[in-house]
Amino acid sequence: VQLQASGGGSVQAGGSLRLSCVASGTTSSNYIMGWYRQAPGKQRELVATISSGGSTHYADSVKGRFTISRDNAKNTVYLQMNNLQPEDTATYYCAADPGGSYMFIYWGRGTLVTVSS
């Protein structure tokens, strides 16, 4: 299973970005998918998850600003990020859990998001 994330970039505070993560080597429709991020000097943290049935969970810091979604036909999960703030600056990683236990065992390379004030 390979996960390829894209869509990162540099934006000003208040701007938006949409990250995409394409899964290959498997059909990911039954997987729980997630987005994590890691800022410089900080630990990796969960941003959002989406179950195979579409149930979502968000970190408190992004609730109301970020939306996770998936297109199973395209084996793709998205993270729409609105009203970005400098504290959202981080490398964002997508992850996949095939077992349904929120233990993510497949990870993609990160995509960098930089938000300037």
PDB file of N, CA and C in Angstrom:
ATOM      1  N   VAL A   1       0.851  -1.182   0.000  1.00  0.00           N
ATOM      2  CA  VAL A   1       0.000   0.000   0.000  1.00  0.00           C
ATOM      3  C   VAL A   1       0.887   1.232   0.000  1.00  0.00           C
ATOM      4  N   GLN A   2       0.610   2.111  -0.933  1.00  0.00           N
ATOM      5  CA  GLN A   2       1.337   3.379  -0.985  1.00  0.00           C
ATOM      6  C   GLN A   2       0.356   4.532  -0.901  1.00  0.00           C
ATOM      7  N   LEU A   3       0.730   5.541  -0.143  1.00  0.00           N
ATOM      8  CA  LEU A   3      -0.085   6.739   0.010  1.00  0.00           C
ATOM      9  C   LEU A   3       0.718   7.921  -0.503  1.00  0.00           C
ATOM     10  N   GLN A   4       0.106   8.682  -1.382  1.00  0.00           N
ATOM     11  CA  GLN A   4       0.782   9.838  -1.960  1.00  0.00           C
ATOM     12  C   GLN A   4      -0.033  11.085  -1.649  1.00  0.00           C
ATOM     13  N   ALA A   5       0.549  11.927  -0.810  1.00  0.00           N
ATOM     14  CA  ALA A   5      -0.116  13.170  -0.435  1.00  0.00           C
ATOM     15  C   ALA A   5       0.372  14.317  -1.300  1.00  0.00           C
ATOM     16  N   SER A   6      -0.514  15.242  -1.551  1.00  0.00           N
ATOM     17  CA  SER A   6      -0.163  16.421  -2.342  1.00  0.00           C
ATOM     18  C   SER A   6      -1.063  17.573  -1.930  1.00  0.00           C
ATOM     19  N   GLY A   7      -0.729  18.755  -2.436  1.00  0.00           N
ATOM     20  CA  GLY A   7      -1.592  19.909  -2.206  1.00  0.00           C
ATOM     21  C   GLY A   7      -1.051  20.922  -1.218  1.00  0.00           C
ATOM     22  N   GLY A   8       0.074  20.634  -0.598  1.00  0.00           N
ATOM     23  CA  GLY A   8       0.642  21.594   0.322  1.00  0.00           C
ATOM     24  C   GLY A   8       1.162  22.821  -0.404  1.00  0.00           C
ATOM     25  N   GLY A   9       1.490  23.837   0.371  1.00  0.00           N
ATOM     26  CA  GLY A   9       2.002  25.054  -0.217  1.00  0.00           C
ATOM     27  C   GLY A   9       2.095  26.148   0.827  1.00  0.00           C
ATOM     28  N   SER A  10       2.287  27.347   0.345  1.00  0.00           N
ATOM     29  CA  SER A  10       2.406  28.513   1.217  1.00  0.00           C
ATOM     30  C   SER A  10       1.218  29.424   1.009  1.00  0.00           C
ATOM     31  N   VAL A  11       0.582  29.815   2.095  1.00  0.00           N
ATOM     32  CA  VAL A  11      -0.559  30.720   2.026  1.00  0.00           C
ATOM     33  C   VAL A  11      -0.461  31.731   3.153  1.00  0.00           C
ATOM     34  N   GLN A  12      -1.195  32.791   3.015  1.00  0.00           N
ATOM     35  CA  GLN A  12      -1.288  33.766   4.093  1.00  0.00           C
ATOM     36  C   GLN A  12      -2.399  33.364   5.060  1.00  0.00           C
ATOM     37  N   ALA A  13      -2.314  33.871   6.267  1.00  0.00           N
ATOM     38  CA  ALA A  13      -3.345  33.593   7.261  1.00  0.00           C
ATOM     39  C   ALA A  13      -4.720  33.945   6.705  1.00  0.00           C
ATOM     40  N   GLY A  14      -5.665  33.067   6.965  1.00  0.00           N
ATOM     41  CA  GLY A  14      -7.009  33.238   6.439  1.00  0.00           C
ATOM     42  C   GLY A  14      -7.250  32.537   5.122  1.00  0.00           C
ATOM     43  N   GLY A  15      -6.190  32.045   4.519  1.00  0.00           N
ATOM     44  CA  GLY A  15      -6.309  31.373   3.239  1.00  0.00           C
ATOM     45  C   GLY A  15      -6.731  29.924   3.367  1.00  0.00           C
ATOM     46  N   SER A  16      -6.822  29.261   2.229  1.00  0.00           N
ATOM     47  CA  SER A  16      -7.286  27.877   2.171  1.00  0.00           C
ATOM     48  C   SER A  16      -6.371  27.023   1.317  1.00  0.00           C
ATOM     49  N   LEU A  17      -6.338  25.756   1.650  1.00  0.00           N
ATOM     50  CA  LEU A  17      -5.656  24.741   0.850  1.00  0.00           C
ATOM     51  C   LEU A  17      -6.460  23.457   0.920  1.00  0.00           C
ATOM     52  N   ARG A  18      -6.329  22.641  -0.098  1.00  0.00           N
ATOM     53  CA  ARG A  18      -6.927  21.310  -0.061  1.00  0.00           C
ATOM     54  C   ARG A  18      -5.845  20.279  -0.309  1.00  0.00           C
ATOM     55  N   LEU A  19      -5.674  19.413   0.654  1.00  0.00           N
ATOM     56  CA  LEU A  19      -4.726  18.326   0.526  1.00  0.00           C
ATOM     57  C   LEU A  19      -5.433  17.094  -0.027  1.00  0.00           C
ATOM     58  N   SER A  20      -4.706  16.333  -0.811  1.00  0.00           N
ATOM     59  CA  SER A  20      -5.225  15.078  -1.361  1.00  0.00           C
ATOM     60  C   SER A  20      -4.267  13.954  -1.011  1.00  0.00           C
ATOM     61  N   CYS A  21      -4.817  12.773  -0.861  1.00  0.00           N
ATOM     62  CA  CYS A  21      -3.997  11.591  -0.596  1.00  0.00           C
ATOM     63  C   CYS A  21      -4.578  10.435  -1.395  1.00  0.00           C
ATOM     64  N   VAL A  22      -3.781   9.947  -2.335  1.00  0.00           N
ATOM     65  CA  VAL A  22      -4.208   8.840  -3.180  1.00  0.00           C
ATOM     66  C   VAL A  22      -3.572   7.548  -2.691  1.00  0.00           C
ATOM     67  N   ALA A  23      -4.388   6.548  -2.495  1.00  0.00           N
ATOM     68  CA  ALA A  23      -3.901   5.236  -2.083  1.00  0.00           C
ATOM     69  C   ALA A  23      -3.762   4.346  -3.306  1.00  0.00           C
ATOM     70  N   SER A  24      -2.664   3.627  -3.377  1.00  0.00           N
ATOM     71  CA  SER A  24      -2.458   2.683  -4.467  1.00  0.00           C
ATOM     72  C   SER A  24      -2.009   1.349  -3.894  1.00  0.00           C
ATOM     73  N   GLY A  25      -2.211   0.317  -4.661  1.00  0.00           N
ATOM     74  CA  GLY A  25      -1.828  -1.006  -4.212  1.00  0.00           C
ATOM     75  C   GLY A  25      -2.898  -1.702  -3.409  1.00  0.00           C
ATOM     76  N   THR A  26      -4.016  -1.029  -3.259  1.00  0.00           N
ATOM     77  CA  THR A  26      -5.115  -1.609  -2.513  1.00  0.00           C
ATOM     78  C   THR A  26      -6.371  -0.814  -2.798  1.00  0.00           C
ATOM     79  N   THR A  27      -7.496  -1.373  -2.388  1.00  0.00           N
ATOM     80  CA  THR A  27      -8.738  -0.603  -2.396  1.00  0.00           C
ATOM     81  C   THR A  27      -8.966  -0.105  -0.983  1.00  0.00           C
ATOM     82  N   SER A  28      -8.923   1.186  -0.832  1.00  0.00           N
ATOM     83  CA  SER A  28      -8.916   1.754   0.520  1.00  0.00           C
ATOM     84  C   SER A  28     -10.304   2.049   1.069  1.00  0.00           C
ATOM     85  N   SER A  29     -11.339   1.654   0.341  1.00  0.00           N
ATOM     86  CA  SER A  29     -12.687   2.041   0.760  1.00  0.00           C
ATOM     87  C   SER A  29     -13.050   1.488   2.130  1.00  0.00           C
ATOM     88  N   ASN A  30     -12.446   0.384   2.532  1.00  0.00           N
ATOM     89  CA  ASN A  30     -12.747  -0.201   3.843  1.00  0.00           C
ATOM     90  C   ASN A  30     -11.782   0.252   4.937  1.00  0.00           C
ATOM     91  N   TYR A  31     -10.866   1.102   4.574  1.00  0.00           N
ATOM     92  CA  TYR A  31      -9.876   1.566   5.535  1.00  0.00           C
ATOM     93  C   TYR A  31     -10.370   2.816   6.264  1.00  0.00           C
ATOM     94  N   ILE A  32      -9.954   2.960   7.498  1.00  0.00           N
ATOM     95  CA  ILE A  32     -10.037   4.250   8.152  1.00  0.00           C
ATOM     96  C   ILE A  32      -8.849   5.072   7.643  1.00  0.00           C
ATOM     97  N   MET A  33      -9.116   6.290   7.253  1.00  0.00           N
ATOM     98  CA  MET A  33      -8.070   7.165   6.743  1.00  0.00           C
ATOM     99  C   MET A  33      -7.913   8.350   7.688  1.00  0.00           C
ATOM    100  N   GLY A  34      -6.696   8.835   7.762  1.00  0.00           N
ATOM    101  CA  GLY A  34      -6.450   9.948   8.664  1.00  0.00           C
ATOM    102  C   GLY A  34      -5.417  10.914   8.132  1.00  0.00           C
ATOM    103  N   TRP A  35      -5.462  12.087   8.678  1.00  0.00           N
ATOM    104  CA  TRP A  35      -4.439  13.110   8.425  1.00  0.00           C
ATOM    105  C   TRP A  35      -3.785  13.452   9.764  1.00  0.00           C
ATOM    106  N   TYR A  36      -2.476  13.483   9.763  1.00  0.00           N
ATOM    107  CA  TYR A  36      -1.686  13.917  10.903  1.00  0.00           C
ATOM    108  C   TYR A  36      -0.815  15.079  10.456  1.00  0.00           C
ATOM    109  N   ARG A  37      -0.269  15.778  11.415  1.00  0.00           N
ATOM    110  CA  ARG A  37       0.681  16.840  11.086  1.00  0.00           C
ATOM    111  C   ARG A  37       1.779  16.905  12.144  1.00  0.00           C
ATOM    112  N   GLN A  38       2.904  17.411  11.704  1.00  0.00           N
ATOM    113  CA  GLN A  38       4.025  17.588  12.609  1.00  0.00           C
ATOM    114  C   GLN A  38       4.691  18.917  12.314  1.00  0.00           C
ATOM    115  N   ALA A  39       4.664  19.773  13.304  1.00  0.00           N
ATOM    116  CA  ALA A  39       5.320  21.063  13.189  1.00  0.00           C
ATOM    117  C   ALA A  39       6.768  20.932  13.653  1.00  0.00           C
ATOM    118  N   PRO A  40       7.635  21.811  13.204  1.00  0.00           N
ATOM    119  CA  PRO A  40       9.038  21.747  13.612  1.00  0.00           C
ATOM    120  C   PRO A  40       9.181  21.773  15.132  1.00  0.00           C
ATOM    121  N   GLY A  41       9.924  20.817  15.652  1.00  0.00           N
ATOM    122  CA  GLY A  41      10.165  20.772  17.079  1.00  0.00           C
ATOM    123  C   GLY A  41       9.022  20.247  17.921  1.00  0.00           C
ATOM    124  N   LYS A  42       7.966  19.796  17.254  1.00  0.00           N
ATOM    125  CA  LYS A  42       6.798  19.296  17.991  1.00  0.00           C
ATOM    126  C   LYS A  42       6.513  17.854  17.612  1.00  0.00           C
ATOM    127  N   GLN A  43       5.696  17.221  18.450  1.00  0.00           N
ATOM    128  CA  GLN A  43       5.316  15.844  18.163  1.00  0.00           C
ATOM    129  C   GLN A  43       4.238  15.814  17.090  1.00  0.00           C
ATOM    130  N   ARG A  44       4.175  14.692  16.415  1.00  0.00           N
ATOM    131  CA  ARG A  44       3.120  14.500  15.434  1.00  0.00           C
ATOM    132  C   ARG A  44       1.780  14.448  16.141  1.00  0.00           C
ATOM    133  N   GLU A  45       0.777  15.084  15.540  1.00  0.00           N
ATOM    134  CA  GLU A  45      -0.538  15.104  16.141  1.00  0.00           C
ATOM    135  C   GLU A  45      -1.606  14.760  15.125  1.00  0.00           C
ATOM    136  N   LEU A  46      -2.668  14.155  15.639  1.00  0.00           N
ATOM    137  CA  LEU A  46      -3.797  13.808  14.790  1.00  0.00           C
ATOM    138  C   LEU A  46      -4.555  15.066  14.406  1.00  0.00           C
ATOM    139  N   VAL A  47      -4.929  15.146  13.133  1.00  0.00           N
ATOM    140  CA  VAL A  47      -5.721  16.273  12.659  1.00  0.00           C
ATOM    141  C   VAL A  47      -7.173  15.844  12.454  1.00  0.00           C
ATOM    142  N   ALA A  48      -7.353  14.761  11.700  1.00  0.00           N
ATOM    143  CA  ALA A  48      -8.713  14.318  11.387  1.00  0.00           C
ATOM    144  C   ALA A  48      -8.690  12.875  10.911  1.00  0.00           C
ATOM    145  N   THR A  49      -9.807  12.192  11.130  1.00  0.00           N
ATOM    146  CA  THR A  49      -9.961  10.831  10.619  1.00  0.00           C
ATOM    147  C   THR A  49     -11.331  10.690   9.972  1.00  0.00           C
ATOM    148  N   ILE A  50     -11.426   9.710   9.080  1.00  0.00           N
ATOM    149  CA  ILE A  50     -12.705   9.390   8.462  1.00  0.00           C
ATOM    150  C   ILE A  50     -12.803   7.880   8.335  1.00  0.00           C
ATOM    151  N   SER A  51     -13.919   7.338   8.788  1.00  0.00           N
ATOM    152  CA  SER A  51     -14.092   5.894   8.731  1.00  0.00           C
ATOM    153  C   SER A  51     -14.568   5.474   7.352  1.00  0.00           C
ATOM    154  N   SER A  52     -14.652   4.162   7.167  1.00  0.00           N
ATOM    155  CA  SER A  52     -15.131   3.660   5.886  1.00  0.00           C
ATOM    156  C   SER A  52     -16.577   4.073   5.652  1.00  0.00           C
ATOM    157  N   GLY A  53     -17.305   4.281   6.722  1.00  0.00           N
ATOM    158  CA  GLY A  53     -18.698   4.690   6.602  1.00  0.00           C
ATOM    159  C   GLY A  53     -18.896   6.182   6.540  1.00  0.00           C
ATOM    160  N   GLY A  54     -17.798   6.920   6.646  1.00  0.00           N
ATOM    161  CA  GLY A  54     -17.889   8.369   6.518  1.00  0.00           C
ATOM    162  C   GLY A  54     -17.934   9.126   7.834  1.00  0.00           C
ATOM    163  N   SER A  55     -17.834   8.430   8.953  1.00  0.00           N
ATOM    164  CA  SER A  55     -17.804   9.128  10.245  1.00  0.00           C
ATOM    165  C   SER A  55     -16.482   9.861  10.395  1.00  0.00           C
ATOM    166  N   THR A  56     -16.562  11.079  10.882  1.00  0.00           N
ATOM    167  CA  THR A  56     -15.368  11.904  10.975  1.00  0.00           C
ATOM    168  C   THR A  56     -15.064  12.298  12.419  1.00  0.00           C
ATOM    169  N   HIS A  57     -13.798  12.586  12.622  1.00  0.00           N
ATOM    170  CA  HIS A  57     -13.331  13.058  13.925  1.00  0.00           C
ATOM    171  C   HIS A  57     -12.259  14.101  13.670  1.00  0.00           C
ATOM    172  N   TYR A  58     -12.288  15.179  14.478  1.00  0.00           N
ATOM    173  CA  TYR A  58     -11.341  16.269  14.294  1.00  0.00           C
ATOM    174  C   TYR A  58     -10.662  16.633  15.606  1.00  0.00           C
ATOM    175  N   ALA A  59      -9.422  17.066  15.480  1.00  0.00           N
ATOM    176  CA  ALA A  59      -8.769  17.677  16.626  1.00  0.00           C
ATOM    177  C   ALA A  59      -9.487  18.979  16.952  1.00  0.00           C
ATOM    178  N   ASP A  60      -9.541  19.318  18.225  1.00  0.00           N
ATOM    179  CA  ASP A  60     -10.237  20.540  18.632  1.00  0.00           C
ATOM    180  C   ASP A  60      -9.679  21.768  17.927  1.00  0.00           C
ATOM    181  N   SER A  61      -8.397  21.753  17.668  1.00  0.00           N
ATOM    182  CA  SER A  61      -7.742  22.929  17.092  1.00  0.00           C
ATOM    183  C   SER A  61      -8.163  23.215  15.656  1.00  0.00           C
ATOM    184  N   VAL A  62      -8.770  22.240  14.993  1.00  0.00           N
ATOM    185  CA  VAL A  62      -9.143  22.445  13.589  1.00  0.00           C
ATOM    186  C   VAL A  62     -10.647  22.359  13.352  1.00  0.00           C
ATOM    187  N   LYS A  63     -11.394  22.036  14.381  1.00  0.00           N
ATOM    188  CA  LYS A  63     -12.853  21.917  14.223  1.00  0.00           C
ATOM    189  C   LYS A  63     -13.438  23.213  13.696  1.00  0.00           C
ATOM    190  N   GLY A  64     -14.315  23.070  12.720  1.00  0.00           N
ATOM    191  CA  GLY A  64     -14.951  24.235  12.124  1.00  0.00           C
ATOM    192  C   GLY A  64     -14.146  24.885  11.019  1.00  0.00           C
ATOM    193  N   ARG A  65     -12.888  24.484  10.877  1.00  0.00           N
ATOM    194  CA  ARG A  65     -12.044  25.056   9.829  1.00  0.00           C
ATOM    195  C   ARG A  65     -11.619  24.017   8.791  1.00  0.00           C
ATOM    196  N   PHE A  66     -11.393  22.791   9.235  1.00  0.00           N
ATOM    197  CA  PHE A  66     -10.935  21.721   8.343  1.00  0.00           C
ATOM    198  C   PHE A  66     -12.058  20.724   8.116  1.00  0.00           C
ATOM    199  N   THR A  67     -12.069  20.136   6.925  1.00  0.00           N
ATOM    200  CA  THR A  67     -13.042  19.099   6.599  1.00  0.00           C
ATOM    201  C   THR A  67     -12.339  17.945   5.904  1.00  0.00           C
ATOM    202  N   ILE A  68     -12.515  16.758   6.457  1.00  0.00           N
ATOM    203  CA  ILE A  68     -11.966  15.562   5.827  1.00  0.00           C
ATOM    204  C   ILE A  68     -13.072  14.877   5.043  1.00  0.00           C
ATOM    205  N   SER A  69     -12.720  14.364   3.874  1.00  0.00           N
ATOM    206  CA  SER A  69     -13.701  13.664   3.056  1.00  0.00           C
ATOM    207  C   SER A  69     -12.972  12.602   2.253  1.00  0.00           C
ATOM    208  N   ARG A  70     -13.744  11.740   1.626  1.00  0.00           N
ATOM    209  CA  ARG A  70     -13.126  10.692   0.828  1.00  0.00           C
ATOM    210  C   ARG A  70     -13.958  10.413  -0.412  1.00  0.00           C
ATOM    211  N   ASP A  71     -13.256   9.987  -1.447  1.00  0.00           N
ATOM    212  CA  ASP A  71     -13.891   9.550  -2.687  1.00  0.00           C
ATOM    213  C   ASP A  71     -13.387   8.138  -2.934  1.00  0.00           C
ATOM    214  N   ASN A  72     -14.188   7.178  -2.566  1.00  0.00           N
ATOM    215  CA  ASN A  72     -13.742   5.783  -2.658  1.00  0.00           C
ATOM    216  C   ASN A  72     -13.513   5.331  -4.098  1.00  0.00           C
ATOM    217  N   ALA A  73     -14.250   5.913  -5.007  1.00  0.00           N
ATOM    218  CA  ALA A  73     -14.064   5.549  -6.408  1.00  0.00           C
ATOM    219  C   ALA A  73     -12.678   5.941  -6.898  1.00  0.00           C
ATOM    220  N   LYS A  74     -12.122   6.964  -6.280  1.00  0.00           N
ATOM    221  CA  LYS A  74     -10.792   7.435  -6.668  1.00  0.00           C
ATOM    222  C   LYS A  74      -9.711   7.017  -5.675  1.00  0.00           C
ATOM    223  N   ASN A  75     -10.100   6.238  -4.654  1.00  0.00           N
ATOM    224  CA  ASN A  75      -9.126   5.830  -3.626  1.00  0.00           C
ATOM    225  C   ASN A  75      -8.413   7.034  -3.035  1.00  0.00           C
ATOM    226  N   THR A  76      -9.158   8.095  -2.819  1.00  0.00           N
ATOM    227  CA  THR A  76      -8.569   9.365  -2.408  1.00  0.00           C
ATOM    228  C   THR A  76      -9.277   9.923  -1.180  1.00  0.00           C
ATOM    229  N   VAL A  77      -8.481  10.494  -0.292  1.00  0.00           N
ATOM    230  CA  VAL A  77      -9.015  11.215   0.859  1.00  0.00           C
ATOM    231  C   VAL A  77      -8.520  12.651   0.776  1.00  0.00           C
ATOM    232  N   TYR A  78      -9.359  13.563   1.198  1.00  0.00           N
ATOM    233  CA  TYR A  78      -9.057  14.977   1.093  1.00  0.00           C
ATOM    234  C   TYR A  78      -9.064  15.637   2.478  1.00  0.00           C
ATOM    235  N   LEU A  79      -8.353  16.735   2.560  1.00  0.00           N
ATOM    236  CA  LEU A  79      -8.439  17.581   3.747  1.00  0.00           C
ATOM    237  C   LEU A  79      -8.567  19.017   3.257  1.00  0.00           C
ATOM    238  N   GLN A  80      -9.773  19.532   3.364  1.00  0.00           N
ATOM    239  CA  GLN A  80     -10.013  20.935   3.023  1.00  0.00           C
ATOM    240  C   GLN A  80      -9.696  21.770   4.249  1.00  0.00           C
ATOM    241  N   MET A  81      -8.799  22.717   4.082  1.00  0.00           N
ATOM    242  CA  MET A  81      -8.355  23.542   5.194  1.00  0.00           C
ATOM    243  C   MET A  81      -8.686  24.993   4.898  1.00  0.00           C
ATOM    244  N   ASN A  82      -9.562  25.550   5.704  1.00  0.00           N
ATOM    245  CA  ASN A  82      -9.973  26.942   5.542  1.00  0.00           C
ATOM    246  C   ASN A  82      -9.517  27.769   6.729  1.00  0.00           C
ATOM    247  N   ASN A  83      -9.472  29.064   6.516  1.00  0.00           N
ATOM    248  CA  ASN A  83      -9.066  29.992   7.579  1.00  0.00           C
ATOM    249  C   ASN A  83      -7.772  29.521   8.248  1.00  0.00           C
ATOM    250  N   LEU A  84      -6.793  29.218   7.422  1.00  0.00           N
ATOM    251  CA  LEU A  84      -5.520  28.729   7.945  1.00  0.00           C
ATOM    252  C   LEU A  84      -4.831  29.792   8.784  1.00  0.00           C
ATOM    253  N   GLN A  85      -4.168  29.326   9.816  1.00  0.00           N
ATOM    254  CA  GLN A  85      -3.457  30.197  10.735  1.00  0.00           C
ATOM    255  C   GLN A  85      -1.990  29.777  10.819  1.00  0.00           C
ATOM    256  N   PRO A  86      -1.114  30.681  11.244  1.00  0.00           N
ATOM    257  CA  PRO A  86       0.310  30.321  11.319  1.00  0.00           C
ATOM    258  C   PRO A  86       0.569  29.062  12.142  1.00  0.00           C
ATOM    259  N   GLU A  87      -0.248  28.814  13.133  1.00  0.00           N
ATOM    260  CA  GLU A  87      -0.033  27.618  13.949  1.00  0.00           C
ATOM    261  C   GLU A  87      -0.396  26.326  13.215  1.00  0.00           C
ATOM    262  N   ASP A  88      -0.990  26.444  12.046  1.00  0.00           N
ATOM    263  CA  ASP A  88      -1.261  25.267  11.221  1.00  0.00           C
ATOM    264  C   ASP A  88      -0.051  24.866  10.382  1.00  0.00           C
ATOM    265  N   THR A  89       0.986  25.675  10.410  1.00  0.00           N
ATOM    266  CA  THR A  89       2.197  25.358   9.667  1.00  0.00           C
ATOM    267  C   THR A  89       2.784  24.045  10.161  1.00  0.00           C
ATOM    268  N   ALA A  90       2.950  23.114   9.234  1.00  0.00           N
ATOM    269  CA  ALA A  90       3.429  21.783   9.584  1.00  0.00           C
ATOM    270  C   ALA A  90       3.570  20.960   8.313  1.00  0.00           C
ATOM    271  N   THR A  91       4.193  19.816   8.469  1.00  0.00           N
ATOM    272  CA  THR A  91       4.154  18.812   7.424  1.00  0.00           C
ATOM    273  C   THR A  91       2.971  17.898   7.708  1.00  0.00           C
ATOM    274  N   TYR A  92       2.131  17.726   6.710  1.00  0.00           N
ATOM    275  CA  TYR A  92       0.903  16.950   6.860  1.00  0.00           C
ATOM    276  C   TYR A  92       1.096  15.575   6.221  1.00  0.00           C
ATOM    277  N   TYR A  93       0.679  14.549   6.950  1.00  0.00           N
ATOM    278  CA  TYR A  93       0.825  13.178   6.508  1.00  0.00           C
ATOM    279  C   TYR A  93      -0.538  12.500   6.447  1.00  0.00           C
ATOM    280  N   CYS A  94      -0.765  11.717   5.411  1.00  0.00           N
ATOM    281  CA  CYS A  94      -1.960  10.881   5.408  1.00  0.00           C
ATOM    282  C   CYS A  94      -1.584   9.479   5.863  1.00  0.00           C
ATOM    283  N   ALA A  95      -2.548   8.804   6.436  1.00  0.00           N
ATOM    284  CA  ALA A  95      -2.311   7.487   7.003  1.00  0.00           C
ATOM    285  C   ALA A  95      -3.538   6.615   6.798  1.00  0.00           C
ATOM    286  N   ALA A  96      -3.300   5.313   6.792  1.00  0.00           N
ATOM    287  CA  ALA A  96      -4.390   4.372   6.557  1.00  0.00           C
ATOM    288  C   ALA A  96      -4.384   3.254   7.581  1.00  0.00           C
ATOM    289  N   ASP A  97      -5.566   2.907   8.027  1.00  0.00           N
ATOM    290  CA  ASP A  97      -5.747   1.819   8.989  1.00  0.00           C
ATOM    291  C   ASP A  97      -6.646   0.765   8.358  1.00  0.00           C
ATOM    292  N   PRO A  98      -6.101  -0.378   7.966  1.00  0.00           N
ATOM    293  CA  PRO A  98      -6.918  -1.404   7.327  1.00  0.00           C
ATOM    294  C   PRO A  98      -7.721  -2.249   8.308  1.00  0.00           C
ATOM    295  N   GLY A  99      -7.366  -2.130   9.598  1.00  0.00           N
ATOM    296  CA  GLY A  99      -7.981  -3.023  10.573  1.00  0.00           C
ATOM    297  C   GLY A  99      -9.171  -2.464  11.306  1.00  0.00           C
ATOM    298  N   GLY A 100      -9.461  -1.191  11.106  1.00  0.00           N
ATOM    299  CA  GLY A 100     -10.628  -0.619  11.753  1.00  0.00           C
ATOM    300  C   GLY A 100     -10.471  -0.324  13.226  1.00  0.00           C
ATOM    301  N   SER A 101      -9.219  -0.241  13.695  1.00  0.00           N
ATOM    302  CA  SER A 101      -8.989  -0.021  15.123  1.00  0.00           C
ATOM    303  C   SER A 101      -8.288   1.303  15.388  1.00  0.00           C
ATOM    304  N   TYR A 102      -8.211   2.148  14.377  1.00  0.00           N
ATOM    305  CA  TYR A 102      -7.529   3.433  14.493  1.00  0.00           C
ATOM    306  C   TYR A 102      -6.049   3.270  14.832  1.00  0.00           C
ATOM    307  N   MET A 103      -5.499   2.170  14.366  1.00  0.00           N
ATOM    308  CA  MET A 103      -4.046   1.990  14.413  1.00  0.00           C
ATOM    309  C   MET A 103      -3.540   2.124  12.981  1.00  0.00           C
ATOM    310  N   PHE A 104      -2.942   3.242  12.692  1.00  0.00           N
ATOM    311  CA  PHE A 104      -2.536   3.552  11.323  1.00  0.00           C
ATOM    312  C   PHE A 104      -1.186   2.924  11.039  1.00  0.00           C
ATOM    313  N   ILE A 105      -1.163   2.031  10.068  1.00  0.00           N
ATOM    314  CA  ILE A 105       0.072   1.310   9.782  1.00  0.00           C
ATOM    315  C   ILE A 105       0.684   1.693   8.439  1.00  0.00           C
ATOM    316  N   TYR A 106      -0.092   2.353   7.609  1.00  0.00           N
ATOM    317  CA  TYR A 106       0.443   2.825   6.335  1.00  0.00           C
ATOM    318  C   TYR A 106       0.514   4.352   6.369  1.00  0.00           C
ATOM    319  N   TRP A 107       1.652   4.856   5.932  1.00  0.00           N
ATOM    320  CA  TRP A 107       1.896   6.290   5.981  1.00  0.00           C
ATOM    321  C   TRP A 107       2.450   6.766   4.656  1.00  0.00           C
ATOM    322  N   GLY A 108       2.014   7.950   4.269  1.00  0.00           N
ATOM    323  CA  GLY A 108       2.554   8.570   3.083  1.00  0.00           C
ATOM    324  C   GLY A 108       3.645   9.558   3.453  1.00  0.00           C
ATOM    325  N   ARG A 109       4.352  10.002   2.455  1.00  0.00           N
ATOM    326  CA  ARG A 109       5.286  11.088   2.671  1.00  0.00           C
ATOM    327  C   ARG A 109       4.497  12.359   2.899  1.00  0.00           C
ATOM    328  N   GLY A 110       5.039  13.230   3.647  1.00  0.00           N
ATOM    329  CA  GLY A 110       4.316  14.424   4.013  1.00  0.00           C
ATOM    330  C   GLY A 110       4.280  15.472   2.924  1.00  0.00           C
ATOM    331  N   THR A 111       3.366  16.398   3.106  1.00  0.00           N
ATOM    332  CA  THR A 111       3.299  17.572   2.251  1.00  0.00           C
ATOM    333  C   THR A 111       3.316  18.793   3.166  1.00  0.00           C
ATOM    334  N   LEU A 112       4.153  19.747   2.827  1.00  0.00           N
ATOM    335  CA  LEU A 112       4.393  20.877   3.720  1.00  0.00           C
ATOM    336  C   LEU A 112       3.365  21.981   3.502  1.00  0.00           C
ATOM    337  N   VAL A 113       2.819  22.454   4.604  1.00  0.00           N
ATOM    338  CA  VAL A 113       1.905  23.593   4.600  1.00  0.00           C
ATOM    339  C   VAL A 113       2.554  24.699   5.425  1.00  0.00           C
ATOM    340  N   THR A 114       2.698  25.843   4.814  1.00  0.00           N
ATOM    341  CA  THR A 114       3.280  26.993   5.495  1.00  0.00           C
ATOM    342  C   THR A 114       2.293  28.144   5.461  1.00  0.00           C
ATOM    343  N   VAL A 115       1.965  28.666   6.635  1.00  0.00           N
ATOM    344  CA  VAL A 115       1.004  29.761   6.732  1.00  0.00           C
ATOM    345  C   VAL A 115       1.712  30.971   7.339  1.00  0.00           C
ATOM    346  N   SER A 116       1.710  32.049   6.613  1.00  0.00           N
ATOM    347  CA  SER A 116       2.365  33.262   7.083  1.00  0.00           C
ATOM    348  C   SER A 116       1.329  34.257   7.601  1.00  0.00           C
ATOM    349  N   SER A 117       1.763  35.046   8.559  1.00  0.00           N
ATOM    350  CA  SER A 117       0.847  36.019   9.173  1.00  0.00           C
ATOM    351  C   SER A 117       0.869  37.340   8.429  1.00  0.00           C
TER     352      SER A 117
END
